[in-house]
Amino acid sequence: MNRDKRTAIFSTLRAADPNPTTELNYDTPFQLLIAVILSAQATDVGVNKATRRLFVDAPDAGTMLSLGVDGLKSYIKTIGLFNSKASNVIKTCQILVDDYNGEVPRDRSALEALPGVGRKTANVVLNTAFGEPTIAVDTHIFRVSNRTGIAPGKTPLEVEKRLLRLTPDEFKKDAHHWLILHGRYVCKARRPLCGECSILEWCEYRRKELP
């Protein structure tokens, strides 16, 4: 895929959604961090249901730390892997309180050192909370990048590096959100809705699902 096609794709996605953002509910960088940790192998809808009450009762690192692992579990028990997630969240809160005055660091290495935080989570926080032009590659973005030809790669990291290299600068900050939403609602895994796709004419997928 050439630069003109990528520009056309991102321009079209931007025209339809000029200010895209995550579907996770949050008010602060800390709450976003916790929501993203909880979202691993879980839906945003499910996470939002759990955090709706959690973030009222424990809106910051200090109050969430005071819940303890067992206390936190009572809020997030409807989310998959809640036992390990509760442990990681409490450990993360302890580090934030001890080392960062309860604030979320705006630094990749510091973020990735937190329990339960990998490269993808760090990218989401850096992009969505702090406006950094990072691109977090989840299953949706990995699929869309390979299927359309925007940035094919064999691993999420390979796709991420290619997206960062090939995406025109004007689109980099929002590319993550456009691609994930496109993959979630249009370019679906089992049966892409090609007949409803706004970027169909530039997509290089060979097995398009057309009416």
N, C-alpha and C. Protein backbone atom coordinates (compact mmCIF):
# COMPACT_ATOMS: atom_id res chain seq x y z
N MET A 1 0.85 -1.19 0.00
CA MET A 1 0.00 0.00 0.00
C MET A 1 0.89 1.25 0.00
N ASN A 2 0.52 2.24 -0.84
CA ASN A 2 1.34 3.44 -0.92
C ASN A 2 0.82 4.55 0.02
N ARG A 3 1.58 5.62 0.08
CA ARG A 3 1.25 6.72 0.99
C ARG A 3 -0.09 7.37 0.65
N ASP A 4 -0.38 7.48 -0.64
CA ASP A 4 -1.64 8.12 -1.04
C ASP A 4 -2.84 7.33 -0.52
N LYS A 5 -2.78 6.00 -0.59
CA LYS A 5 -3.87 5.18 -0.08
C LYS A 5 -4.02 5.34 1.43
N ARG A 6 -2.89 5.33 2.15
CA ARG A 6 -2.95 5.48 3.61
C ARG A 6 -3.54 6.84 3.97
N THR A 7 -3.13 7.86 3.25
CA THR A 7 -3.66 9.20 3.51
C THR A 7 -5.17 9.24 3.26
N ALA A 8 -5.61 8.61 2.19
CA ALA A 8 -7.04 8.57 1.88
C ALA A 8 -7.81 7.82 2.97
N ILE A 9 -7.25 6.71 3.43
CA ILE A 9 -7.92 5.92 4.47
C ILE A 9 -8.06 6.72 5.75
N PHE A 10 -6.97 7.29 6.22
CA PHE A 10 -7.02 8.04 7.48
C PHE A 10 -7.83 9.33 7.34
N SER A 11 -7.79 9.95 6.19
CA SER A 11 -8.60 11.15 5.98
C SER A 11 -10.08 10.82 6.06
N THR A 12 -10.45 9.68 5.50
CA THR A 12 -11.85 9.25 5.52
C THR A 12 -12.29 8.91 6.94
N LEU A 13 -11.45 8.19 7.67
CA LEU A 13 -11.78 7.85 9.05
C LEU A 13 -11.87 9.11 9.92
N ARG A 14 -10.99 10.07 9.66
CA ARG A 14 -11.02 11.32 10.42
C ARG A 14 -12.27 12.13 10.12
N ALA A 15 -12.69 12.16 8.87
CA ALA A 15 -13.88 12.91 8.51
C ALA A 15 -15.12 12.37 9.22
N ALA A 16 -15.15 11.05 9.40
CA ALA A 16 -16.30 10.42 10.06
C ALA A 16 -16.25 10.57 11.57
N ASP A 17 -15.04 10.71 12.12
CA ASP A 17 -14.87 10.78 13.57
C ASP A 17 -13.66 11.66 13.88
N PRO A 18 -13.86 12.99 13.90
CA PRO A 18 -12.73 13.92 14.03
C PRO A 18 -12.00 13.85 15.37
N ASN A 19 -12.70 13.45 16.43
CA ASN A 19 -12.08 13.42 17.76
C ASN A 19 -12.32 12.07 18.43
N PRO A 20 -11.68 11.03 17.93
CA PRO A 20 -11.92 9.70 18.48
C PRO A 20 -11.26 9.52 19.85
N THR A 21 -11.82 8.65 20.65
CA THR A 21 -11.20 8.36 21.95
C THR A 21 -11.58 6.96 22.37
N THR A 22 -11.05 6.53 23.47
CA THR A 22 -11.34 5.19 23.98
C THR A 22 -12.80 5.08 24.42
N GLU A 23 -13.32 3.87 24.42
CA GLU A 23 -14.67 3.61 24.91
C GLU A 23 -14.66 3.24 26.39
N LEU A 24 -13.48 3.22 26.99
CA LEU A 24 -13.39 3.02 28.43
C LEU A 24 -13.73 4.33 29.14
N ASN A 25 -14.47 4.25 30.22
CA ASN A 25 -14.85 5.45 30.98
C ASN A 25 -13.78 5.76 32.02
N TYR A 26 -13.37 7.03 32.08
CA TYR A 26 -12.36 7.45 33.05
C TYR A 26 -12.39 8.96 33.17
N ASP A 27 -11.85 9.46 34.28
CA ASP A 27 -11.75 10.91 34.47
C ASP A 27 -10.32 11.39 34.61
N THR A 28 -9.40 10.50 34.97
CA THR A 28 -8.01 10.88 35.21
C THR A 28 -7.07 9.87 34.57
N PRO A 29 -5.80 10.22 34.38
CA PRO A 29 -4.84 9.24 33.86
C PRO A 29 -4.77 7.99 34.73
N PHE A 30 -4.90 8.14 36.04
CA PHE A 30 -4.88 6.97 36.92
C PHE A 30 -6.06 6.04 36.60
N GLN A 31 -7.23 6.60 36.47
CA GLN A 31 -8.40 5.77 36.19
C GLN A 31 -8.29 5.10 34.83
N LEU A 32 -7.73 5.80 33.85
CA LEU A 32 -7.51 5.18 32.55
C LEU A 32 -6.55 4.01 32.67
N LEU A 33 -5.45 4.21 33.39
CA LEU A 33 -4.48 3.14 33.58
C LEU A 33 -5.13 1.89 34.18
N ILE A 34 -5.92 2.08 35.22
CA ILE A 34 -6.58 0.95 35.88
C ILE A 34 -7.57 0.30 34.92
N ALA A 35 -8.34 1.09 34.20
CA ALA A 35 -9.32 0.54 33.26
C ALA A 35 -8.64 -0.30 32.17
N VAL A 36 -7.51 0.17 31.69
CA VAL A 36 -6.81 -0.56 30.63
C VAL A 36 -6.23 -1.86 31.18
N ILE A 37 -5.69 -1.83 32.40
CA ILE A 37 -5.20 -3.07 33.02
C ILE A 37 -6.35 -4.07 33.14
N LEU A 38 -7.49 -3.61 33.54
CA LEU A 38 -8.65 -4.49 33.72
C LEU A 38 -9.21 -4.99 32.40
N SER A 39 -8.94 -4.28 31.30
CA SER A 39 -9.56 -4.60 30.02
C SER A 39 -8.91 -5.77 29.29
N ALA A 40 -7.78 -6.26 29.78
CA ALA A 40 -7.13 -7.40 29.14
C ALA A 40 -8.08 -8.60 29.13
N GLN A 41 -8.31 -9.14 27.94
CA GLN A 41 -9.22 -10.29 27.77
C GLN A 41 -10.60 -10.02 28.37
N ALA A 42 -11.04 -8.78 28.27
CA ALA A 42 -12.37 -8.38 28.74
C ALA A 42 -12.89 -7.30 27.80
N THR A 43 -14.20 -7.10 27.80
CA THR A 43 -14.77 -6.07 26.94
C THR A 43 -14.79 -4.73 27.65
N ASP A 44 -14.76 -3.65 26.86
CA ASP A 44 -14.85 -2.31 27.45
C ASP A 44 -16.17 -2.15 28.21
N VAL A 45 -17.24 -2.73 27.68
CA VAL A 45 -18.54 -2.64 28.34
C VAL A 45 -18.48 -3.28 29.72
N GLY A 46 -17.87 -4.45 29.79
CA GLY A 46 -17.75 -5.14 31.07
C GLY A 46 -16.89 -4.38 32.06
N VAL A 47 -15.80 -3.80 31.58
CA VAL A 47 -14.92 -3.01 32.45
C VAL A 47 -15.65 -1.78 32.96
N ASN A 48 -16.38 -1.11 32.08
CA ASN A 48 -17.10 0.11 32.48
C ASN A 48 -18.14 -0.18 33.55
N LYS A 49 -18.78 -1.33 33.46
CA LYS A 49 -19.76 -1.70 34.49
C LYS A 49 -19.09 -1.84 35.85
N ALA A 50 -17.90 -2.43 35.85
CA ALA A 50 -17.19 -2.64 37.10
C ALA A 50 -16.60 -1.35 37.66
N THR A 51 -16.05 -0.52 36.78
CA THR A 51 -15.38 0.69 37.27
C THR A 51 -16.36 1.81 37.62
N ARG A 52 -17.60 1.68 37.17
CA ARG A 52 -18.58 2.73 37.47
C ARG A 52 -18.68 2.96 38.99
N ARG A 53 -18.73 1.88 39.74
CA ARG A 53 -18.81 2.00 41.19
C ARG A 53 -17.41 2.12 41.81
N LEU A 54 -16.45 1.39 41.23
CA LEU A 54 -15.09 1.40 41.76
C LEU A 54 -14.50 2.80 41.77
N PHE A 55 -14.65 3.54 40.67
CA PHE A 55 -14.02 4.85 40.58
C PHE A 55 -14.72 5.90 41.45
N VAL A 56 -15.95 5.64 41.85
CA VAL A 56 -16.62 6.53 42.80
C VAL A 56 -16.05 6.31 44.20
N ASP A 57 -15.89 5.04 44.56
CA ASP A 57 -15.40 4.71 45.90
C ASP A 57 -13.89 4.82 46.04
N ALA A 58 -13.18 4.61 44.93
CA ALA A 58 -11.71 4.65 44.98
C ALA A 58 -11.19 5.37 43.73
N PRO A 59 -11.28 6.69 43.71
CA PRO A 59 -10.95 7.44 42.50
C PRO A 59 -9.46 7.64 42.24
N ASP A 60 -8.62 7.37 43.25
CA ASP A 60 -7.19 7.61 43.08
C ASP A 60 -6.38 6.46 43.66
N ALA A 61 -5.07 6.54 43.48
CA ALA A 61 -4.20 5.43 43.87
C ALA A 61 -4.26 5.16 45.37
N GLY A 62 -4.31 6.21 46.17
CA GLY A 62 -4.33 6.03 47.61
C GLY A 62 -5.58 5.32 48.10
N THR A 63 -6.74 5.77 47.63
CA THR A 63 -7.98 5.15 48.08
C THR A 63 -8.14 3.73 47.53
N MET A 64 -7.64 3.50 46.32
CA MET A 64 -7.73 2.15 45.77
C MET A 64 -6.79 1.20 46.51
N LEU A 65 -5.63 1.71 46.87
CA LEU A 65 -4.69 0.90 47.65
C LEU A 65 -5.29 0.48 48.97
N SER A 66 -6.07 1.37 49.58
CA SER A 66 -6.67 1.08 50.89
C SER A 66 -7.72 -0.03 50.82
N LEU A 67 -8.23 -0.32 49.62
CA LEU A 67 -9.19 -1.41 49.47
C LEU A 67 -8.55 -2.75 49.73
N GLY A 68 -7.26 -2.87 49.37
CA GLY A 68 -6.59 -4.15 49.47
C GLY A 68 -7.04 -5.07 48.35
N VAL A 69 -6.36 -6.19 48.18
CA VAL A 69 -6.67 -7.11 47.10
C VAL A 69 -8.09 -7.66 47.23
N ASP A 70 -8.46 -8.11 48.40
CA ASP A 70 -9.79 -8.71 48.58
C ASP A 70 -10.90 -7.67 48.40
N GLY A 71 -10.65 -6.46 48.89
CA GLY A 71 -11.65 -5.41 48.73
C GLY A 71 -11.84 -5.05 47.27
N LEU A 72 -10.75 -4.99 46.52
CA LEU A 72 -10.84 -4.67 45.10
C LEU A 72 -11.58 -5.77 44.33
N LYS A 73 -11.35 -7.00 44.72
CA LYS A 73 -12.00 -8.13 44.03
C LYS A 73 -13.52 -7.99 44.05
N SER A 74 -14.06 -7.46 45.11
CA SER A 74 -15.52 -7.36 45.21
C SER A 74 -16.09 -6.42 44.15
N TYR A 75 -15.25 -5.51 43.63
CA TYR A 75 -15.70 -4.59 42.59
C TYR A 75 -15.53 -5.17 41.19
N ILE A 76 -14.51 -5.99 41.01
CA ILE A 76 -14.13 -6.41 39.65
C ILE A 76 -14.35 -7.91 39.41
N LYS A 77 -15.09 -8.58 40.27
CA LYS A 77 -15.24 -10.03 40.17
C LYS A 77 -16.00 -10.47 38.92
N THR A 78 -16.68 -9.55 38.24
CA THR A 78 -17.38 -9.90 37.01
C THR A 78 -16.46 -9.87 35.80
N ILE A 79 -15.22 -9.43 35.98
CA ILE A 79 -14.26 -9.32 34.89
C ILE A 79 -13.36 -10.55 34.87
N GLY A 80 -13.04 -11.03 33.70
CA GLY A 80 -12.15 -12.18 33.57
C GLY A 80 -10.79 -11.94 34.19
N LEU A 81 -10.22 -12.99 34.76
CA LEU A 81 -8.90 -12.94 35.39
C LEU A 81 -8.85 -11.93 36.54
N PHE A 82 -9.98 -11.78 37.24
CA PHE A 82 -10.05 -10.72 38.26
C PHE A 82 -9.09 -10.95 39.42
N ASN A 83 -8.75 -12.21 39.71
CA ASN A 83 -7.83 -12.46 40.83
C ASN A 83 -6.45 -11.88 40.57
N SER A 84 -5.89 -12.20 39.41
CA SER A 84 -4.55 -11.70 39.09
C SER A 84 -4.58 -10.19 38.83
N LYS A 85 -5.67 -9.71 38.24
CA LYS A 85 -5.78 -8.27 37.98
C LYS A 85 -5.85 -7.49 39.29
N ALA A 86 -6.58 -8.00 40.26
CA ALA A 86 -6.67 -7.31 41.56
C ALA A 86 -5.30 -7.21 42.20
N SER A 87 -4.55 -8.30 42.13
CA SER A 87 -3.20 -8.30 42.71
C SER A 87 -2.31 -7.28 42.01
N ASN A 88 -2.34 -7.27 40.67
CA ASN A 88 -1.51 -6.33 39.92
C ASN A 88 -1.91 -4.88 40.17
N VAL A 89 -3.21 -4.62 40.24
CA VAL A 89 -3.67 -3.24 40.46
C VAL A 89 -3.21 -2.73 41.82
N ILE A 90 -3.34 -3.54 42.84
CA ILE A 90 -2.93 -3.09 44.18
C ILE A 90 -1.42 -2.87 44.22
N LYS A 91 -0.65 -3.76 43.60
CA LYS A 91 0.81 -3.56 43.55
C LYS A 91 1.16 -2.29 42.79
N THR A 92 0.44 -2.04 41.70
CA THR A 92 0.66 -0.82 40.92
C THR A 92 0.33 0.42 41.74
N CYS A 93 -0.78 0.38 42.48
CA CYS A 93 -1.15 1.51 43.33
C CYS A 93 -0.09 1.79 44.38
N GLN A 94 0.48 0.73 44.94
CA GLN A 94 1.52 0.89 45.95
C GLN A 94 2.73 1.62 45.36
N ILE A 95 3.13 1.22 44.16
CA ILE A 95 4.27 1.86 43.50
C ILE A 95 3.96 3.32 43.17
N LEU A 96 2.77 3.58 42.68
CA LEU A 96 2.39 4.96 42.34
C LEU A 96 2.41 5.85 43.58
N VAL A 97 1.91 5.33 44.70
CA VAL A 97 1.88 6.10 45.95
C VAL A 97 3.30 6.31 46.48
N ASP A 98 4.10 5.25 46.46
CA ASP A 98 5.45 5.32 47.03
C ASP A 98 6.42 6.14 46.19
N ASP A 99 6.33 5.98 44.86
CA ASP A 99 7.36 6.54 43.98
C ASP A 99 6.92 7.75 43.16
N TYR A 100 5.61 7.94 42.98
CA TYR A 100 5.15 8.99 42.07
C TYR A 100 4.08 9.89 42.68
N ASN A 101 4.01 9.90 44.00
CA ASN A 101 3.03 10.75 44.69
C ASN A 101 1.61 10.49 44.21
N GLY A 102 1.36 9.24 43.83
CA GLY A 102 0.02 8.86 43.40
C GLY A 102 -0.30 9.17 41.95
N GLU A 103 0.64 9.80 41.24
CA GLU A 103 0.40 10.18 39.85
C GLU A 103 0.90 9.10 38.89
N VAL A 104 0.38 9.13 37.67
CA VAL A 104 0.82 8.19 36.65
C VAL A 104 2.00 8.79 35.90
N PRO A 105 3.12 8.08 35.82
CA PRO A 105 4.29 8.64 35.13
C PRO A 105 4.07 8.74 33.63
N ARG A 106 4.57 9.80 33.05
CA ARG A 106 4.46 9.99 31.60
C ARG A 106 5.75 9.50 30.94
N ASP A 107 6.02 8.23 31.14
CA ASP A 107 7.28 7.66 30.69
C ASP A 107 7.08 6.17 30.40
N ARG A 108 7.46 5.73 29.23
CA ARG A 108 7.19 4.35 28.83
C ARG A 108 7.84 3.34 29.76
N SER A 109 9.13 3.52 30.04
CA SER A 109 9.83 2.52 30.86
C SER A 109 9.24 2.46 32.26
N ALA A 110 8.85 3.61 32.82
CA ALA A 110 8.24 3.63 34.15
C ALA A 110 6.88 2.95 34.13
N LEU A 111 6.12 3.18 33.06
CA LEU A 111 4.81 2.53 32.94
C LEU A 111 4.95 1.02 32.81
N GLU A 112 5.86 0.59 31.95
CA GLU A 112 6.02 -0.84 31.71
C GLU A 112 6.59 -1.57 32.92
N ALA A 113 7.15 -0.83 33.88
CA ALA A 113 7.66 -1.45 35.10
C ALA A 113 6.55 -1.72 36.11
N LEU A 114 5.36 -1.19 35.85
CA LEU A 114 4.23 -1.39 36.76
C LEU A 114 3.62 -2.77 36.54
N PRO A 115 3.23 -3.48 37.61
CA PRO A 115 2.61 -4.80 37.48
C PRO A 115 1.34 -4.75 36.62
N GLY A 116 1.25 -5.66 35.68
CA GLY A 116 0.07 -5.72 34.82
C GLY A 116 0.10 -4.78 33.64
N VAL A 117 1.21 -4.05 33.48
CA VAL A 117 1.33 -3.08 32.38
C VAL A 117 2.38 -3.55 31.38
N GLY A 118 1.93 -3.81 30.17
CA GLY A 118 2.85 -4.16 29.09
C GLY A 118 2.93 -3.03 28.09
N ARG A 119 3.54 -3.29 26.97
CA ARG A 119 3.75 -2.25 25.96
C ARG A 119 2.42 -1.68 25.46
N LYS A 120 1.44 -2.56 25.22
CA LYS A 120 0.17 -2.09 24.69
C LYS A 120 -0.52 -1.15 25.68
N THR A 121 -0.56 -1.54 26.95
CA THR A 121 -1.19 -0.69 27.97
C THR A 121 -0.46 0.64 28.09
N ALA A 122 0.86 0.58 28.09
CA ALA A 122 1.65 1.82 28.18
C ALA A 122 1.34 2.73 27.00
N ASN A 123 1.22 2.16 25.81
CA ASN A 123 0.91 2.96 24.62
C ASN A 123 -0.45 3.62 24.74
N VAL A 124 -1.44 2.88 25.25
CA VAL A 124 -2.78 3.46 25.40
C VAL A 124 -2.74 4.64 26.36
N VAL A 125 -2.08 4.48 27.48
CA VAL A 125 -2.01 5.56 28.48
C VAL A 125 -1.26 6.77 27.92
N LEU A 126 -0.12 6.53 27.29
CA LEU A 126 0.66 7.63 26.72
C LEU A 126 -0.13 8.38 25.66
N ASN A 127 -0.89 7.64 24.85
CA ASN A 127 -1.66 8.26 23.78
C ASN A 127 -2.91 8.96 24.29
N THR A 128 -3.72 8.24 25.06
CA THR A 128 -5.04 8.74 25.42
C THR A 128 -5.00 9.72 26.59
N ALA A 129 -4.14 9.46 27.56
CA ALA A 129 -4.06 10.35 28.72
C ALA A 129 -3.14 11.54 28.48
N PHE A 130 -2.08 11.32 27.70
CA PHE A 130 -1.06 12.36 27.57
C PHE A 130 -0.88 12.89 26.15
N GLY A 131 -1.63 12.37 25.19
CA GLY A 131 -1.58 12.90 23.83
C GLY A 131 -0.34 12.56 23.04
N GLU A 132 0.37 11.52 23.45
CA GLU A 132 1.57 11.11 22.71
C GLU A 132 1.16 10.37 21.44
N PRO A 133 1.92 10.49 20.35
CA PRO A 133 1.56 9.83 19.09
C PRO A 133 1.99 8.36 19.07
N THR A 134 1.54 7.61 20.08
CA THR A 134 1.83 6.17 20.13
C THR A 134 0.66 5.40 19.54
N ILE A 135 0.92 4.17 19.13
CA ILE A 135 -0.12 3.33 18.55
C ILE A 135 -0.09 1.97 19.24
N ALA A 136 -1.10 1.71 20.05
CA ALA A 136 -1.20 0.43 20.76
C ALA A 136 -1.86 -0.59 19.85
N VAL A 137 -1.19 -1.69 19.59
CA VAL A 137 -1.71 -2.70 18.67
C VAL A 137 -2.38 -3.83 19.44
N ASP A 138 -3.70 -3.85 19.38
CA ASP A 138 -4.46 -4.96 19.97
C ASP A 138 -4.90 -5.89 18.84
N THR A 139 -5.78 -6.83 19.14
CA THR A 139 -6.20 -7.79 18.12
C THR A 139 -6.94 -7.11 16.95
N HIS A 140 -7.71 -6.06 17.26
CA HIS A 140 -8.44 -5.35 16.21
C HIS A 140 -7.48 -4.64 15.25
N ILE A 141 -6.54 -3.91 15.81
CA ILE A 141 -5.60 -3.14 14.99
C ILE A 141 -4.68 -4.08 14.22
N PHE A 142 -4.28 -5.16 14.86
CA PHE A 142 -3.44 -6.15 14.18
C PHE A 142 -4.16 -6.71 12.96
N ARG A 143 -5.44 -7.02 13.14
CA ARG A 143 -6.23 -7.57 12.04
C ARG A 143 -6.43 -6.55 10.93
N VAL A 144 -6.86 -5.34 11.28
CA VAL A 144 -7.12 -4.31 10.28
C VAL A 144 -5.85 -3.95 9.51
N SER A 145 -4.75 -3.84 10.22
CA SER A 145 -3.48 -3.47 9.58
C SER A 145 -3.05 -4.51 8.56
N ASN A 146 -3.22 -5.79 8.91
CA ASN A 146 -2.84 -6.86 7.99
C ASN A 146 -3.86 -7.05 6.87
N ARG A 147 -5.13 -7.00 7.22
CA ARG A 147 -6.18 -7.27 6.24
C ARG A 147 -6.23 -6.19 5.16
N THR A 148 -6.15 -4.95 5.56
CA THR A 148 -6.25 -3.85 4.59
C THR A 148 -4.95 -3.60 3.85
N GLY A 149 -3.83 -3.98 4.49
CA GLY A 149 -2.53 -3.70 3.90
C GLY A 149 -1.92 -2.39 4.38
N ILE A 150 -2.55 -1.74 5.35
CA ILE A 150 -2.03 -0.47 5.87
C ILE A 150 -0.63 -0.65 6.46
N ALA A 151 -0.48 -1.74 7.26
CA ALA A 151 0.82 -1.99 7.89
C ALA A 151 0.91 -3.46 8.27
N PRO A 152 1.10 -4.33 7.29
CA PRO A 152 1.15 -5.76 7.59
C PRO A 152 2.37 -6.14 8.42
N GLY A 153 2.19 -7.16 9.26
CA GLY A 153 3.29 -7.64 10.09
C GLY A 153 2.91 -8.93 10.77
N LYS A 154 3.90 -9.70 11.19
CA LYS A 154 3.64 -11.01 11.79
C LYS A 154 3.41 -10.94 13.30
N THR A 155 3.83 -9.86 13.92
CA THR A 155 3.65 -9.70 15.36
C THR A 155 3.09 -8.32 15.65
N PRO A 156 2.44 -8.13 16.83
CA PRO A 156 1.95 -6.80 17.18
C PRO A 156 3.05 -5.74 17.17
N LEU A 157 4.23 -6.08 17.64
CA LEU A 157 5.32 -5.11 17.66
C LEU A 157 5.74 -4.72 16.25
N GLU A 158 5.78 -5.70 15.36
CA GLU A 158 6.14 -5.41 13.97
C GLU A 158 5.11 -4.50 13.32
N VAL A 159 3.83 -4.76 13.60
CA VAL A 159 2.77 -3.91 13.07
C VAL A 159 2.87 -2.51 13.66
N GLU A 160 3.12 -2.42 14.96
CA GLU A 160 3.25 -1.12 15.61
C GLU A 160 4.37 -0.29 14.99
N LYS A 161 5.53 -0.90 14.82
CA LYS A 161 6.67 -0.18 14.26
C LYS A 161 6.38 0.27 12.83
N ARG A 162 5.69 -0.58 12.07
CA ARG A 162 5.37 -0.22 10.69
C ARG A 162 4.33 0.90 10.64
N LEU A 163 3.34 0.83 11.53
CA LEU A 163 2.35 1.90 11.59
C LEU A 163 3.00 3.24 11.93
N LEU A 164 3.90 3.23 12.90
CA LEU A 164 4.57 4.46 13.30
C LEU A 164 5.43 5.02 12.17
N ARG A 165 5.99 4.13 11.38
CA ARG A 165 6.85 4.57 10.27
C ARG A 165 6.04 5.03 9.07
N LEU A 166 4.91 4.38 8.81
CA LEU A 166 4.17 4.62 7.57
C LEU A 166 2.97 5.56 7.70
N THR A 167 2.45 5.73 8.91
CA THR A 167 1.30 6.62 9.09
C THR A 167 1.74 8.07 8.99
N PRO A 168 1.14 8.86 8.12
CA PRO A 168 1.49 10.28 8.03
C PRO A 168 1.35 10.96 9.39
N ASP A 169 2.25 11.87 9.70
CA ASP A 169 2.33 12.48 11.03
C ASP A 169 1.00 13.08 11.49
N GLU A 170 0.26 13.67 10.57
CA GLU A 170 -0.97 14.36 10.97
C GLU A 170 -2.03 13.40 11.54
N PHE A 171 -1.86 12.11 11.28
CA PHE A 171 -2.85 11.13 11.74
C PHE A 171 -2.37 10.28 12.92
N LYS A 172 -1.12 10.39 13.29
CA LYS A 172 -0.54 9.44 14.25
C LYS A 172 -1.21 9.47 15.62
N LYS A 173 -1.55 10.63 16.10
CA LYS A 173 -2.12 10.70 17.45
C LYS A 173 -3.45 9.97 17.56
N ASP A 174 -4.24 10.00 16.50
CA ASP A 174 -5.57 9.40 16.56
C ASP A 174 -5.68 8.07 15.82
N ALA A 175 -4.61 7.63 15.18
CA ALA A 175 -4.66 6.41 14.37
C ALA A 175 -5.10 5.21 15.19
N HIS A 176 -4.60 5.11 16.41
CA HIS A 176 -4.96 3.98 17.28
C HIS A 176 -6.46 3.86 17.43
N HIS A 177 -7.12 4.97 17.73
CA HIS A 177 -8.56 4.94 17.98
C HIS A 177 -9.36 4.65 16.70
N TRP A 178 -8.96 5.27 15.59
CA TRP A 178 -9.67 5.01 14.34
C TRP A 178 -9.59 3.53 13.96
N LEU A 179 -8.41 2.96 14.07
CA LEU A 179 -8.23 1.57 13.64
C LEU A 179 -8.94 0.58 14.56
N ILE A 180 -8.89 0.84 15.85
CA ILE A 180 -9.54 -0.09 16.78
C ILE A 180 -11.06 -0.04 16.62
N LEU A 181 -11.60 1.15 16.44
CA LEU A 181 -13.05 1.27 16.26
C LEU A 181 -13.49 0.67 14.92
N HIS A 182 -12.66 0.85 13.90
CA HIS A 182 -12.98 0.26 12.60
C HIS A 182 -12.97 -1.26 12.69
N GLY A 183 -12.00 -1.80 13.41
CA GLY A 183 -11.93 -3.24 13.57
C GLY A 183 -13.04 -3.80 14.44
N ARG A 184 -13.44 -3.04 15.42
CA ARG A 184 -14.48 -3.49 16.35
C ARG A 184 -15.86 -3.51 15.71
N TYR A 185 -16.15 -2.52 14.87
CA TYR A 185 -17.52 -2.38 14.36
C TYR A 185 -17.70 -2.65 12.87
N VAL A 186 -16.64 -2.59 12.09
CA VAL A 186 -16.78 -2.78 10.64
C VAL A 186 -15.92 -3.95 10.15
N CYS A 187 -14.64 -3.86 10.34
CA CYS A 187 -13.71 -4.88 9.84
C CYS A 187 -13.59 -6.00 10.87
N LYS A 188 -14.70 -6.67 11.12
CA LYS A 188 -14.81 -7.67 12.17
C LYS A 188 -14.03 -8.93 11.83
N ALA A 189 -13.71 -9.69 12.86
CA ALA A 189 -12.84 -10.85 12.68
C ALA A 189 -13.45 -11.92 11.80
N ARG A 190 -14.63 -12.39 12.15
CA ARG A 190 -15.21 -13.53 11.43
C ARG A 190 -15.81 -13.14 10.09
N ARG A 191 -16.47 -12.00 10.06
CA ARG A 191 -17.08 -11.57 8.80
C ARG A 191 -17.05 -10.05 8.71
N PRO A 192 -16.06 -9.51 8.00
CA PRO A 192 -15.98 -8.05 7.88
C PRO A 192 -17.18 -7.51 7.11
N LEU A 193 -17.66 -6.34 7.52
CA LEU A 193 -18.82 -5.72 6.88
C LEU A 193 -18.34 -4.84 5.72
N CYS A 194 -17.79 -5.49 4.72
CA CYS A 194 -17.19 -4.75 3.61
C CYS A 194 -18.19 -3.86 2.88
N GLY A 195 -19.45 -4.29 2.84
CA GLY A 195 -20.47 -3.50 2.17
C GLY A 195 -20.77 -2.19 2.87
N GLU A 196 -20.38 -2.09 4.14
CA GLU A 196 -20.60 -0.87 4.91
C GLU A 196 -19.31 -0.09 5.17
N CYS A 197 -18.23 -0.52 4.55
CA CYS A 197 -16.91 0.04 4.85
C CYS A 197 -16.63 1.32 4.07
N SER A 198 -16.26 2.36 4.80
CA SER A 198 -16.00 3.66 4.18
C SER A 198 -14.65 3.72 3.48
N ILE A 199 -13.77 2.76 3.75
CA ILE A 199 -12.43 2.78 3.15
C ILE A 199 -12.24 1.62 2.17
N LEU A 200 -13.34 1.06 1.72
CA LEU A 200 -13.31 -0.13 0.87
C LEU A 200 -12.46 0.06 -0.39
N GLU A 201 -12.56 1.22 -1.02
CA GLU A 201 -11.89 1.40 -2.31
C GLU A 201 -10.37 1.39 -2.21
N TRP A 202 -9.82 1.60 -0.99
CA TRP A 202 -8.36 1.59 -0.84
C TRP A 202 -7.86 0.33 -0.14
N CYS A 203 -8.79 -0.48 0.35
CA CYS A 203 -8.44 -1.69 1.08
C CYS A 203 -7.90 -2.75 0.11
N GLU A 204 -6.83 -3.43 0.50
CA GLU A 204 -6.20 -4.42 -0.36
C GLU A 204 -6.56 -5.86 0.03
N TYR A 205 -7.57 -6.02 0.86
CA TYR A 205 -8.03 -7.36 1.25
C TYR A 205 -8.60 -8.08 0.02
N ARG A 206 -8.14 -9.30 -0.22
CA ARG A 206 -8.51 -10.00 -1.45
C ARG A 206 -9.84 -10.74 -1.34
N ARG A 207 -10.29 -11.00 -0.12
CA ARG A 207 -11.54 -11.78 0.03
C ARG A 207 -12.63 -10.91 0.63
N LYS A 208 -12.93 -9.82 -0.03
CA LYS A 208 -13.92 -8.89 0.49
C LYS A 208 -15.30 -9.53 0.55
N GLU A 209 -16.01 -9.26 1.64
CA GLU A 209 -17.36 -9.79 1.86
C GLU A 209 -18.37 -8.76 1.33
N LEU A 210 -18.72 -8.86 0.06
CA LEU A 210 -19.64 -7.89 -0.54
C LEU A 210 -21.01 -8.51 -0.77
N PRO A 211 -22.06 -7.69 -0.66
CA PRO A 211 -23.45 -8.18 -0.86
C PRO A 211 -23.61 -8.75 -2.28
